[in-house]
Protein backbone atom coordinates (compact mmCIF):
# COMPACT_ATOMS: atom_id res chain seq x y z
CA UNK A 1 5.03 18.86 0.76
CA UNK A 2 1.61 17.64 -0.19
CA UNK A 3 1.53 14.07 -1.57
CA UNK A 4 -1.51 12.16 -2.85
CA UNK A 5 -1.98 8.45 -2.40
CA UNK A 6 -4.86 7.44 -4.60
CA UNK A 7 -4.10 3.77 -4.11
CA UNK A 8 -4.72 3.72 -0.39
CA UNK A 9 -8.32 3.16 0.50
CA UNK A 10 -9.31 2.13 -3.02
CA UNK A 11 -8.75 -1.63 -2.56
CA UNK A 12 -11.85 -3.88 -2.70
CA UNK A 13 -12.48 -7.59 -3.01
CA UNK A 14 -14.43 -9.34 -5.76
CA UNK A 15 -17.13 -11.96 -4.99
CA UNK A 16 -14.50 -14.71 -5.08
CA UNK A 17 -12.20 -12.76 -2.71
CA UNK A 18 -9.63 -11.39 -5.20
CA UNK A 19 -8.20 -8.03 -4.08
CA UNK A 20 -8.42 -5.44 -6.78
CA UNK A 21 -8.72 -1.73 -7.41
CA UNK A 22 -10.83 0.21 -9.92
CA UNK A 23 -8.75 2.41 -12.19
CA UNK A 24 -11.48 5.07 -12.43
CA UNK A 25 -11.52 5.45 -8.66
CA UNK A 26 -7.75 6.01 -8.55
CA UNK A 27 -7.99 8.39 -11.49
CA UNK A 28 -10.83 10.30 -9.90
CA UNK A 29 -9.12 10.68 -6.56
CA UNK A 30 -5.93 11.95 -8.28
CA UNK A 31 -7.86 14.43 -10.41
CA UNK A 32 -9.70 15.69 -7.27
CA UNK A 33 -6.39 16.15 -5.42
CA UNK A 34 -5.00 18.31 -8.31
CA UNK A 35 -8.24 20.33 -8.55
CA UNK A 36 -8.40 20.93 -4.78
CA UNK A 37 -4.83 22.16 -4.73
CA UNK A 38 -5.43 24.42 -7.77
CA UNK A 39 -8.50 25.92 -6.01
CA UNK A 40 -6.56 26.48 -2.80
CA UNK A 41 -3.51 28.01 -4.59
CA UNK A 42 -1.29 25.21 -3.33
CA UNK A 43 0.68 22.65 -5.23
CA UNK A 44 0.49 18.87 -5.17
CA UNK A 45 4.19 17.88 -4.68
CA UNK A 46 4.03 14.15 -5.29
CA UNK A 47 1.93 11.05 -5.96
CA UNK A 48 2.29 7.55 -4.53
CA UNK A 49 1.35 4.78 -6.95
CA UNK A 50 1.74 0.99 -6.75
CA UNK A 51 2.64 -0.11 -10.30
CA UNK A 52 4.61 -2.47 -12.37
CA UNK A 53 6.03 -2.42 -15.89
CA UNK A 54 4.58 -5.86 -16.43
CA UNK A 55 1.38 -6.78 -18.28
CA UNK A 56 -0.55 -7.77 -15.13
CA UNK A 57 -4.32 -7.78 -14.71
CA UNK A 58 -4.69 -6.76 -11.09
CA UNK A 59 -6.60 -3.48 -11.34
CA UNK A 60 -9.89 -3.20 -13.25
CA UNK A 61 -10.50 -0.50 -15.90
CA UNK A 62 -8.01 1.66 -17.74
CA UNK A 63 -7.54 1.81 -21.52
CA UNK A 64 -8.21 -1.87 -21.98
CA UNK A 65 -11.22 -1.68 -19.70
CA UNK A 66 -10.20 -4.74 -17.71
CA UNK A 67 -13.09 -6.34 -15.82
CA UNK A 68 -13.43 -8.88 -12.99
CA UNK A 69 -13.20 -11.80 -15.42
CA UNK A 70 -9.82 -10.43 -16.68
CA UNK A 71 -8.16 -10.54 -13.23
CA UNK A 72 -7.39 -14.23 -13.50
CA UNK A 73 -5.38 -13.85 -16.64
CA UNK A 74 -2.30 -12.33 -15.12
CA UNK A 75 -2.82 -11.72 -11.41
CA UNK A 76 0.63 -12.01 -9.87
CA UNK A 77 0.76 -9.81 -6.87
CA UNK A 78 1.50 -11.27 -3.49
CA UNK A 79 0.25 -8.26 -1.52
CA UNK A 80 -1.79 -5.44 -3.11
CA UNK A 81 -2.97 -5.03 -6.68
CA UNK A 82 -0.75 -2.93 -8.95
CA UNK A 83 -1.39 -0.83 -11.97
CA UNK A 84 -0.08 -2.37 -15.11
CA UNK A 85 2.17 -0.51 -17.58
CA UNK A 86 -0.77 0.89 -19.64
CA UNK A 87 -2.66 2.07 -16.59
CA UNK A 88 0.53 3.63 -15.18
CA UNK A 89 1.14 5.56 -18.37
CA UNK A 90 -2.44 6.69 -18.46
CA UNK A 91 -2.10 8.17 -14.98
CA UNK A 92 1.29 9.66 -15.87
CA UNK A 93 -0.30 11.51 -18.72
CA UNK A 94 -2.93 12.90 -16.33
CA UNK A 95 -0.18 14.11 -14.03
CA UNK A 96 1.63 15.83 -16.89
CA UNK A 97 -1.63 17.55 -18.02
CA UNK A 98 -2.52 18.67 -14.51
CA UNK A 99 0.98 19.86 -13.63
CA UNK A 100 1.23 21.72 -16.93
CA UNK A 101 -2.15 23.45 -16.27
CA UNK A 102 -1.07 24.36 -12.72
CA UNK A 103 2.18 26.00 -13.99
CA UNK A 104 0.28 28.19 -16.44
CA UNK A 105 -1.86 29.65 -13.66
């Protein structure tokens, strides 16, 4: 079973030391994983994401294009930054599109 973990290795710190992640890096790594599996004729069987259904501002980017200044608004994590509900849905839609494309091949 192949599983992608686009959260791991994509954590960085801002100039003031706040841990964050860039949505576009997570998205890019996940897209690459799907594309590599499609090219190899294998199937990505799972994805590990760190997320919450709350309106947090812990990861930059996404539909609202959160930036470094936005992090202070709702940064609640005690460990690693999580995707908020909008960012999570955006990634879920990518997974649906990529899985759908893979099943048509």
